[in-house]
Amino acid sequence: MNAIVEQLKSTAEATKATDLRAAFTADPQRFSRFSVSLDDLLMDYSKTAVNEEILKLLVKLAEEGGVEKKREEMFSGKAINFTEDRAVLHTALRNRSNTPVLVDGKDVMPDVNAVLAAMGKFADEIRSGTLKGATGKAITDVINIGIGGSDLGPVMATLALAPFHDGPRAHFVSNIDGAHIADILKLVQPETTLFIVASKTFTTVETMTNAQTARNFIAKALGEAAVQHHFAAVSTALDKVAAFGIDSTRVFGFWDWVGGRYSIWSAIGLPLMIAIGPENFGKFLDGAHAVDNHFRKAPITENLPMLLGLIGFYHRNVLGYPTRAILPYDQRLSRFPAYLQQLDMESNGKGVTIDGRPVEGNSGPVVWGEPGTNGQHAFYQLIHQGTSIIPAEFMIAANAFEPELRHQHQLLISNVLAQSEALMKGRTFDEAKKQLTDKGMDDKKADFIAPHRVFTGNRPSITFVYDKLTPYALGRLIALYEHRVFVEGVLFRINSFDQWGVELGKELATGLLPVVEGKQSAASHDSSTQGLVAALAKLAK
């Protein structure tokens, strides 16, 4: 595999001067040769530096890197998360074919289907008003309390699918900062509010701290006996859930083979299901399942997740680009970049290979972004003219949900197309100067000003086009990126499914709490930490 990477680097060096503008001029079929589709979902990667030679090498890289073998191991239930000895089976949660999926010889699908059915029943009862609060009033507001994967997925998807949201109002609390839950509680009434506490172990500090605040909110207003009517849990710690006061019929479990950042398909998706209904949640699963089938069956050169992962690896480990920008031209996807940030950076932000050695080259990039057109008025300046090359990934629906605002959607489309074209095409000095002199500027001043209006171009972008942001389309989009992360992780030779990097800070925070509370001395900590503790304590008095 290393030899192919070196070949790719040599090829990239030899084609460094390649002008994408010239490539499009020389090859009128470039778009059709470097774009692929899955039904209405189009992936255009023609505005990257990939050519036929590079594509062949990338296919060879996938083959020799064992991506297809590792893919089948994941789908078949092998414990590919070897540092925790766990299978990786978020795909089983949306296995709409219901074909058996074995973990340690046991088919997990009956359990998956049972939880999904229980979720659907509970969601229908809340949505219809059959299940009421302690005073007999219907639930009008649902507050999900979680953090990380127990929060980002439901937040992102509920916002994205706002046109399908016909259930109770949805709110989300994640931060341990008391301001977060305090601001949300001001929006709701205790007697019509349901809290969902999402924590597999029911010990997550942020989640359980907020859950206790929520419990106090209900108990103070309605009495201790009301707690069972206003709480549900997504957890496997039944004893802790019972001690909290939540009835066992309102507890929905999931499994060790579901990682937090891959858990939106599980009971963690309960707030989404309550918002959009079980039928639409099923369509959300259908979309993801369609991508799973495509990922397993399509040839590499026609396989969207494979190509996306291969190009991502090429950008990161061959060309050395340190970040990628996620730029959905859809305001309802405003949390999608943050969702992918966790998915990608928690999965592939590793420095050790599967055999315990330091990673050679780079592992995952920094992932960030904002919806268009907002980002155009913030950071696109750097993407277009900065000294770092930042691959951009655009997303746009052909159709919006507001036919009366069609003109605004057409403006949105024209903007995303213009941005991808501008990144590829750029503007030469001569073009910039002519633009200035055509406006009446004298030649000498135009020579001085024109360099500031030059765009180098040759900045890579990928554009995704789809019909409409439906539950099916969103499920498809998320699964596409999940598998992209998987492909890149295999090529980086890392374990994409653990997250030991989040542990050290948590351990230190536990030890620092008594210091912050003034119960212990800070003497055992470094001088910076001691100084910060002292400064905060002084200001807190």
Foldseek 3Di string as FASTA:
>chain_A
DVVLLVVLLVVCVVCVVPALVVVCVVDVCLQVQQWFDDVQKIKGQSLAPDDPVNVVSLLVLLVVLCLLVVLVCQQQFQQLLVVVSGHAPLLLLLQPVLDFRDHVHDGCNVVSVVLLVLLQVVLVCLQVQVQFFPVSGHAQEEEEFEEDLLFLLLVLVCLLAVVLFPGHHYHYAYALPPVRLVVVVVVDDLRRYAYEQEDAQCVPVSRVSSVVVNQCRNCVVPNNLRSQSRYAYEYDNVVVCVVSPHDPSRYRYDDPSYFSLSPCSGCSVSVVCSGRHSVLNSLLSVLLNSLSVLQNDPRLSNRLLNVLLSVQCCVCFNVNQQEAEEEEQDQSSFSVQVSLQSLQCLQWVDQAFPVGHGFDGDITHRTGYGYPPVCVVPCVVCCFDNPGFHEYEYEAAPDEPDVVVVVVNVVSVVVVVVSSCCQSNWADLVRQLVVVVVVPDDNVVSNVCSVVRTTPHSRTYMYIYGHYSGSSVNSNVVSSSNSSSSSRCSSSNHGRRDRCVVPPVVVVVVVCVCVLVVNDQPVVPDPVVNVVSVVVVVVVD
